[in-house]
């Protein structure tokens, strides 16, 4: 029952602002799984972290960071 509540809290808030809360929920679920011996899947929460691009400037690329359009790339 408590695993479902923690799982619901982790899924309730999306976005990079709530990543510390989601990390804490993953830790709680791992401790609960370790102490009870029951498998609790947390892989989906961990893989969600890969979707977020967190930088100090709010996710904006730095100066000089531009991609060339594919039509301008020369193939040798």
PDB file of N, CA and C in Angstrom:
ATOM      1  N   UNK A   1       0.818  -1.190   0.000  1.00  0.00           N
ATOM      2  CA  UNK A   1       0.000   0.000   0.000  1.00  0.00           C
ATOM      3  C   UNK A   1       0.873   1.269   0.000  1.00  0.00           C
ATOM      4  N   UNK A   2       1.900   1.295   0.825  1.00  0.00           N
ATOM      5  CA  UNK A   2       2.755   2.477   0.890  1.00  0.00           C
ATOM      6  C   UNK A   2       3.544   2.645  -0.405  1.00  0.00           C
ATOM      7  N   UNK A   3       3.854   1.534  -1.071  1.00  0.00           N
ATOM      8  CA  UNK A   3       4.568   1.625  -2.342  1.00  0.00           C
ATOM      9  C   UNK A   3       3.700   2.307  -3.392  1.00  0.00           C
ATOM     10  N   UNK A   4       2.414   2.063  -3.388  1.00  0.00           N
ATOM     11  CA  UNK A   4       1.514   2.707  -4.335  1.00  0.00           C
ATOM     12  C   UNK A   4       1.392   4.203  -4.065  1.00  0.00           C
ATOM     13  N   UNK A   5       1.418   4.587  -2.800  1.00  0.00           N
ATOM     14  CA  UNK A   5       1.350   6.012  -2.448  1.00  0.00           C
ATOM     15  C   UNK A   5       2.621   6.728  -2.903  1.00  0.00           C
ATOM     16  N   UNK A   6       3.775   6.130  -2.633  1.00  0.00           N
ATOM     17  CA  UNK A   6       5.046   6.732  -3.065  1.00  0.00           C
ATOM     18  C   UNK A   6       5.109   6.802  -4.584  1.00  0.00           C
ATOM     19  N   UNK A   7       4.648   5.759  -5.243  1.00  0.00           N
ATOM     20  CA  UNK A   7       4.615   5.732  -6.697  1.00  0.00           C
ATOM     21  C   UNK A   7       3.716   6.853  -7.233  1.00  0.00           C
ATOM     22  N   UNK A   8       2.573   7.066  -6.609  1.00  0.00           N
ATOM     23  CA  UNK A   8       1.669   8.138  -7.016  1.00  0.00           C
ATOM     24  C   UNK A   8       2.266   9.518  -6.821  1.00  0.00           C
ATOM     25  N   UNK A   9       2.990   9.714  -5.734  1.00  0.00           N
ATOM     26  CA  UNK A   9       3.642  11.003  -5.480  1.00  0.00           C
ATOM     27  C   UNK A   9       4.717  11.263  -6.533  1.00  0.00           C
ATOM     28  N   UNK A  10       5.466  10.234  -6.893  1.00  0.00           N
ATOM     29  CA  UNK A  10       6.520  10.399  -7.895  1.00  0.00           C
ATOM     30  C   UNK A  10       5.942  10.730  -9.266  1.00  0.00           C
ATOM     31  N   UNK A  11       4.772  10.217  -9.576  1.00  0.00           N
ATOM     32  CA  UNK A  11       4.153  10.477 -10.870  1.00  0.00           C
ATOM     33  C   UNK A  11       3.302  11.744 -10.886  1.00  0.00           C
ATOM     34  N   UNK A  12       2.991  12.273  -9.722  1.00  0.00           N
ATOM     35  CA  UNK A  12       2.089  13.419  -9.623  1.00  0.00           C
ATOM     36  C   UNK A  12       2.698  14.684 -10.209  1.00  0.00           C
ATOM     37  N   UNK A  13       3.971  14.920  -9.955  1.00  0.00           N
ATOM     38  CA  UNK A  13       4.625  16.146 -10.388  1.00  0.00           C
ATOM     39  C   UNK A  13       5.643  15.830 -11.474  1.00  0.00           C
ATOM     40  N   UNK A  14       5.529  16.525 -12.609  1.00  0.00           N
ATOM     41  CA  UNK A  14       6.470  16.341 -13.710  1.00  0.00           C
ATOM     42  C   UNK A  14       7.314  17.598 -13.860  1.00  0.00           C
ATOM     43  N   UNK A  15       8.446  17.459 -14.469  1.00  0.00           N
ATOM     44  CA  UNK A  15       9.316  18.593 -14.727  1.00  0.00           C
ATOM     45  C   UNK A  15      10.572  18.531 -13.901  1.00  0.00           C
ATOM     46  N   UNK A  16      11.565  19.283 -14.340  1.00  0.00           N
ATOM     47  CA  UNK A  16      12.860  19.245 -13.653  1.00  0.00           C
ATOM     48  C   UNK A  16      12.840  19.882 -12.262  1.00  0.00           C
ATOM     49  N   UNK A  17      11.845  20.687 -11.973  1.00  0.00           N
ATOM     50  CA  UNK A  17      11.774  21.326 -10.663  1.00  0.00           C
ATOM     51  C   UNK A  17      11.561  20.299  -9.542  1.00  0.00           C
ATOM     52  N   UNK A  18      10.884  19.202  -9.859  1.00  0.00           N
ATOM     53  CA  UNK A  18      10.539  18.202  -8.852  1.00  0.00           C
ATOM     54  C   UNK A  18      11.434  16.967  -8.906  1.00  0.00           C
ATOM     55  N   UNK A  19      12.582  17.059  -9.582  1.00  0.00           N
ATOM     56  CA  UNK A  19      13.496  15.928  -9.631  1.00  0.00           C
ATOM     57  C   UNK A  19      14.013  15.512  -8.256  1.00  0.00           C
ATOM     58  N   UNK A  20      14.324  16.438  -7.346  1.00  0.00           N
ATOM     59  CA  UNK A  20      14.753  15.986  -6.008  1.00  0.00           C
ATOM     60  C   UNK A  20      13.679  15.167  -5.284  1.00  0.00           C
ATOM     61  N   UNK A  21      12.414  15.542  -5.444  1.00  0.00           N
ATOM     62  CA  UNK A  21      11.330  14.765  -4.841  1.00  0.00           C
ATOM     63  C   UNK A  21      11.254  13.378  -5.464  1.00  0.00           C
ATOM     64  N   UNK A  22      11.413  13.304  -6.771  1.00  0.00           N
ATOM     65  CA  UNK A  22      11.356  12.005  -7.446  1.00  0.00           C
ATOM     66  C   UNK A  22      12.539  11.130  -7.043  1.00  0.00           C
ATOM     67  N   UNK A  23      13.709  11.742  -6.863  1.00  0.00           N
ATOM     68  CA  UNK A  23      14.874  10.972  -6.408  1.00  0.00           C
ATOM     69  C   UNK A  23      14.625  10.417  -5.015  1.00  0.00           C
ATOM     70  N   UNK A  24      14.037  11.219  -4.156  1.00  0.00           N
ATOM     71  CA  UNK A  24      13.722  10.764  -2.802  1.00  0.00           C
ATOM     72  C   UNK A  24      12.711   9.613  -2.828  1.00  0.00           C
ATOM     73  N   UNK A  25      11.718   9.701  -3.718  1.00  0.00           N
ATOM     74  CA  UNK A  25      10.736   8.622  -3.849  1.00  0.00           C
ATOM     75  C   UNK A  25      11.395   7.339  -4.334  1.00  0.00           C
ATOM     76  N   UNK A  26      12.344   7.453  -5.255  1.00  0.00           N
ATOM     77  CA  UNK A  26      13.072   6.276  -5.724  1.00  0.00           C
ATOM     78  C   UNK A  26      13.861   5.655  -4.583  1.00  0.00           C
ATOM     79  N   UNK A  27      14.481   6.486  -3.765  1.00  0.00           N
ATOM     80  CA  UNK A  27      15.226   5.969  -2.620  1.00  0.00           C
ATOM     81  C   UNK A  27      14.300   5.248  -1.645  1.00  0.00           C
ATOM     82  N   UNK A  28      13.135   5.823  -1.373  1.00  0.00           N
ATOM     83  CA  UNK A  28      12.158   5.182  -0.480  1.00  0.00           C
ATOM     84  C   UNK A  28      11.700   3.840  -1.037  1.00  0.00           C
ATOM     85  N   UNK A  29      11.422   3.807  -2.347  1.00  0.00           N
ATOM     86  CA  UNK A  29      10.973   2.557  -2.958  1.00  0.00           C
ATOM     87  C   UNK A  29      12.076   1.499  -2.931  1.00  0.00           C
ATOM     88  N   UNK A  30      13.319   1.910  -3.145  1.00  0.00           N
ATOM     89  CA  UNK A  30      14.427   0.951  -3.078  1.00  0.00           C
ATOM     90  C   UNK A  30      14.614   0.405  -1.667  1.00  0.00           C
ATOM     91  N   UNK A  31      14.508   1.262  -0.669  1.00  0.00           N
ATOM     92  CA  UNK A  31      14.637   0.795   0.721  1.00  0.00           C
ATOM     93  C   UNK A  31      13.486  -0.131   1.094  1.00  0.00           C
ATOM     94  N   UNK A  32      12.289   0.212   0.646  1.00  0.00           N
ATOM     95  CA  UNK A  32      11.123  -0.620   0.925  1.00  0.00           C
ATOM     96  C   UNK A  32      11.265  -1.985   0.245  1.00  0.00           C
ATOM     97  N   UNK A  33      11.744  -1.991  -0.986  1.00  0.00           N
ATOM     98  CA  UNK A  33      11.941  -3.252  -1.693  1.00  0.00           C
ATOM     99  C   UNK A  33      13.026  -4.088  -1.023  1.00  0.00           C
ATOM    100  N   UNK A  34      14.078  -3.439  -0.557  1.00  0.00           N
ATOM    101  CA  UNK A  34      15.154  -4.166   0.109  1.00  0.00           C
ATOM    102  C   UNK A  34      14.741  -4.767   1.432  1.00  0.00           C
ATOM    103  N   UNK A  35      13.939  -4.036   2.187  1.00  0.00           N
ATOM    104  CA  UNK A  35      13.545  -4.539   3.500  1.00  0.00           C
ATOM    105  C   UNK A  35      12.422  -5.566   3.420  1.00  0.00           C
ATOM    106  N   UNK A  36      11.572  -5.472   2.403  1.00  0.00           N
ATOM    107  CA  UNK A  36      10.447  -6.407   2.311  1.00  0.00           C
ATOM    108  C   UNK A  36      10.751  -7.607   1.424  1.00  0.00           C
ATOM    109  N   UNK A  37      11.738  -7.483   0.548  1.00  0.00           N
ATOM    110  CA  UNK A  37      12.056  -8.582  -0.352  1.00  0.00           C
ATOM    111  C   UNK A  37      11.127  -8.668  -1.541  1.00  0.00           C
ATOM    112  N   UNK A  38      10.341  -7.627  -1.785  1.00  0.00           N
ATOM    113  CA  UNK A  38       9.399  -7.581  -2.900  1.00  0.00           C
ATOM    114  C   UNK A  38       9.976  -6.686  -3.985  1.00  0.00           C
ATOM    115  N   UNK A  39       9.866  -7.129  -5.236  1.00  0.00           N
ATOM    116  CA  UNK A  39      10.363  -6.344  -6.357  1.00  0.00           C
ATOM    117  C   UNK A  39       9.437  -5.155  -6.611  1.00  0.00           C
ATOM    118  N   UNK A  40      10.002  -3.946  -6.605  1.00  0.00           N
ATOM    119  CA  UNK A  40       9.252  -2.728  -6.924  1.00  0.00           C
ATOM    120  C   UNK A  40       9.979  -2.065  -8.089  1.00  0.00           C
ATOM    121  N   UNK A  41       9.344  -1.994  -9.264  1.00  0.00           N
ATOM    122  CA  UNK A  41      10.035  -1.428 -10.432  1.00  0.00           C
ATOM    123  C   UNK A  41      10.177   0.089 -10.328  1.00  0.00           C
ATOM    124  N   UNK A  42      11.401   0.578 -10.425  1.00  0.00           N
ATOM    125  CA  UNK A  42      11.671   2.015 -10.393  1.00  0.00           C
ATOM    126  C   UNK A  42      12.431   2.462 -11.636  1.00  0.00           C
ATOM    127  N   UNK A  43      12.613   1.551 -12.568  1.00  0.00           N
ATOM    128  CA  UNK A  43      13.388   1.858 -13.764  1.00  0.00           C
ATOM    129  C   UNK A  43      12.770   2.987 -14.575  1.00  0.00           C
ATOM    130  N   UNK A  44      11.446   3.023 -14.647  1.00  0.00           N
ATOM    131  CA  UNK A  44      10.791   4.072 -15.436  1.00  0.00           C
ATOM    132  C   UNK A  44      11.055   5.454 -14.857  1.00  0.00           C
ATOM    133  N   UNK A  45      11.137   5.562 -13.530  1.00  0.00           N
ATOM    134  CA  UNK A  45      11.433   6.854 -12.907  1.00  0.00           C
ATOM    135  C   UNK A  45      12.858   7.283 -13.220  1.00  0.00           C
ATOM    136  N   UNK A  46      13.783   6.339 -13.170  1.00  0.00           N
ATOM    137  CA  UNK A  46      15.184   6.647 -13.434  1.00  0.00           C
ATOM    138  C   UNK A  46      15.373   7.044 -14.900  1.00  0.00           C
ATOM    139  N   UNK A  47      14.707   6.347 -15.800  1.00  0.00           N
ATOM    140  CA  UNK A  47      14.846   6.662 -17.224  1.00  0.00           C
ATOM    141  C   UNK A  47      14.192   7.989 -17.589  1.00  0.00           C
ATOM    142  N   UNK A  48      13.235   8.441 -16.797  1.00  0.00           N
ATOM    143  CA  UNK A  48      12.628   9.753 -17.038  1.00  0.00           C
ATOM    144  C   UNK A  48      13.632  10.881 -16.880  1.00  0.00           C
ATOM    145  N   UNK A  49      14.672  10.670 -16.083  1.00  0.00           N
ATOM    146  CA  UNK A  49      15.688  11.711 -15.881  1.00  0.00           C
ATOM    147  C   UNK A  49      16.430  12.020 -17.173  1.00  0.00           C
ATOM    148  N   UNK A  50      16.507  11.049 -18.072  1.00  0.00           N
ATOM    149  CA  UNK A  50      17.220  11.260 -19.329  1.00  0.00           C
ATOM    150  C   UNK A  50      16.501  12.240 -20.245  1.00  0.00           C
ATOM    151  N   UNK A  51      15.219  12.483 -19.999  1.00  0.00           N
ATOM    152  CA  UNK A  51      14.452  13.391 -20.843  1.00  0.00           C
ATOM    153  C   UNK A  51      14.723  14.859 -20.539  1.00  0.00           C
ATOM    154  N   UNK A  52      15.244  15.159 -19.366  1.00  0.00           N
ATOM    155  CA  UNK A  52      15.414  16.535 -18.942  1.00  0.00           C
ATOM    156  C   UNK A  52      16.797  17.045 -19.270  1.00  0.00           C
ATOM    157  N   UNK A  53      16.866  18.242 -19.844  1.00  0.00           N
ATOM    158  CA  UNK A  53      18.125  18.906 -20.139  1.00  0.00           C
ATOM    159  C   UNK A  53      18.259  20.042 -19.138  1.00  0.00           C
ATOM    160  N   UNK A  54      19.011  19.822 -18.088  1.00  0.00           N
ATOM    161  CA  UNK A  54      19.124  20.797 -17.011  1.00  0.00           C
ATOM    162  C   UNK A  54      20.461  21.525 -17.126  1.00  0.00           C
ATOM    163  N   UNK A  55      20.412  22.838 -17.283  1.00  0.00           N
ATOM    164  CA  UNK A  55      21.613  23.661 -17.312  1.00  0.00           C
ATOM    165  C   UNK A  55      21.398  24.861 -16.399  1.00  0.00           C
ATOM    166  N   UNK A  56      22.461  25.576 -16.130  1.00  0.00           N
ATOM    167  CA  UNK A  56      22.359  26.735 -15.248  1.00  0.00           C
ATOM    168  C   UNK A  56      21.637  27.906 -15.894  1.00  0.00           C
ATOM    169  N   UNK A  57      21.652  27.971 -17.231  1.00  0.00           N
ATOM    170  CA  UNK A  57      21.022  29.106 -17.906  1.00  0.00           C
ATOM    171  C   UNK A  57      19.597  28.792 -18.367  1.00  0.00           C
ATOM    172  N   UNK A  58      18.968  27.807 -17.771  1.00  0.00           N
ATOM    173  CA  UNK A  58      17.580  27.517 -18.097  1.00  0.00           C
ATOM    174  C   UNK A  58      17.401  26.662 -19.340  1.00  0.00           C
ATOM    175  N   UNK A  59      18.400  25.923 -19.735  1.00  0.00           N
ATOM    176  CA  UNK A  59      18.284  25.029 -20.870  1.00  0.00           C
ATOM    177  C   UNK A  59      18.610  25.660 -22.201  1.00  0.00           C
ATOM    178  N   UNK A  60      19.071  26.915 -22.201  1.00  0.00           N
ATOM    179  CA  UNK A  60      19.413  27.576 -23.459  1.00  0.00           C
ATOM    180  C   UNK A  60      20.835  27.196 -23.859  1.00  0.00           C
ATOM    181  N   UNK A  61      21.061  26.911 -25.124  1.00  0.00           N
ATOM    182  CA  UNK A  61      22.433  26.580 -25.545  1.00  0.00           C
ATOM    183  C   UNK A  61      23.352  27.785 -25.418  1.00  0.00           C
ATOM    184  N   UNK A  62      24.621  27.521 -25.193  1.00  0.00           N
ATOM    185  CA  UNK A  62      25.595  28.583 -25.020  1.00  0.00           C
ATOM    186  C   UNK A  62      25.939  29.286 -26.318  1.00  0.00           C
ATOM    187  N   UNK A  63      26.737  30.327 -26.214  1.00  0.00           N
ATOM    188  CA  UNK A  63      27.151  31.084 -27.399  1.00  0.00           C
ATOM    189  C   UNK A  63      28.030  30.210 -28.277  1.00  0.00           C
ATOM    190  N   UNK A  64      27.838  30.346 -29.587  1.00  0.00           N
ATOM    191  CA  UNK A  64      28.625  29.576 -30.532  1.00  0.00           C
ATOM    192  C   UNK A  64      28.153  28.149 -30.692  1.00  0.00           C
ATOM    193  N   UNK A  65      27.037  27.821 -30.083  1.00  0.00           N
ATOM    194  CA  UNK A  65      26.507  26.465 -30.157  1.00  0.00           C
ATOM    195  C   UNK A  65      25.366  26.451 -31.157  1.00  0.00           C
ATOM    196  N   UNK A  66      25.714  26.217 -32.407  1.00  0.00           N
ATOM    197  CA  UNK A  66      24.698  26.193 -33.455  1.00  0.00           C
ATOM    198  C   UNK A  66      24.966  25.011 -34.365  1.00  0.00           C
ATOM    199  N   UNK A  67      23.899  24.433 -34.835  1.00  0.00           N
ATOM    200  CA  UNK A  67      24.026  23.336 -35.783  1.00  0.00           C
ATOM    201  C   UNK A  67      23.884  23.882 -37.193  1.00  0.00           C
ATOM    202  N   UNK A  68      24.658  23.322 -38.099  1.00  0.00           N
ATOM    203  CA  UNK A  68      24.525  23.694 -39.497  1.00  0.00           C
ATOM    204  C   UNK A  68      23.366  22.900 -40.091  1.00  0.00           C
ATOM    205  N   UNK A  69      22.601  23.511 -40.966  1.00  0.00           N
ATOM    206  CA  UNK A  69      21.560  22.737 -41.650  1.00  0.00           C
ATOM    207  C   UNK A  69      22.199  21.625 -42.476  1.00  0.00           C
ATOM    208  N   UNK A  70      21.485  20.538 -42.684  1.00  0.00           N
ATOM    209  CA  UNK A  70      22.045  19.388 -43.391  1.00  0.00           C
ATOM    210  C   UNK A  70      22.427  19.738 -44.823  1.00  0.00           C
ATOM    211  N   UNK A  71      21.742  20.715 -45.420  1.00  0.00           N
ATOM    212  CA  UNK A  71      22.036  21.056 -46.814  1.00  0.00           C
ATOM    213  C   UNK A  71      23.395  21.747 -46.953  1.00  0.00           C
ATOM    214  N   UNK A  72      23.960  22.304 -45.889  1.00  0.00           N
ATOM    215  CA  UNK A  72      25.226  23.013 -45.986  1.00  0.00           C
ATOM    216  C   UNK A  72      26.425  22.139 -45.609  1.00  0.00           C
ATOM    217  N   UNK A  73      26.184  20.928 -45.134  1.00  0.00           N
ATOM    218  CA  UNK A  73      27.279  20.050 -44.750  1.00  0.00           C
ATOM    219  C   UNK A  73      27.853  19.414 -46.006  1.00  0.00           C
ATOM    220  N   UNK A  74      29.164  19.508 -46.162  1.00  0.00           N
ATOM    221  CA  UNK A  74      29.835  18.971 -47.348  1.00  0.00           C
ATOM    222  C   UNK A  74      30.233  17.518 -47.088  1.00  0.00           C
ATOM    223  N   UNK A  75      29.897  16.681 -48.025  1.00  0.00           N
ATOM    224  CA  UNK A  75      30.263  15.257 -47.936  1.00  0.00           C
ATOM    225  C   UNK A  75      31.436  15.018 -48.854  1.00  0.00           C
ATOM    226  N   UNK A  76      32.453  14.366 -48.368  1.00  0.00           N
ATOM    227  CA  UNK A  76      33.664  14.113 -49.145  1.00  0.00           C
ATOM    228  C   UNK A  76      33.626  12.768 -49.795  1.00  0.00           C
TER     229      UNK A  76
END
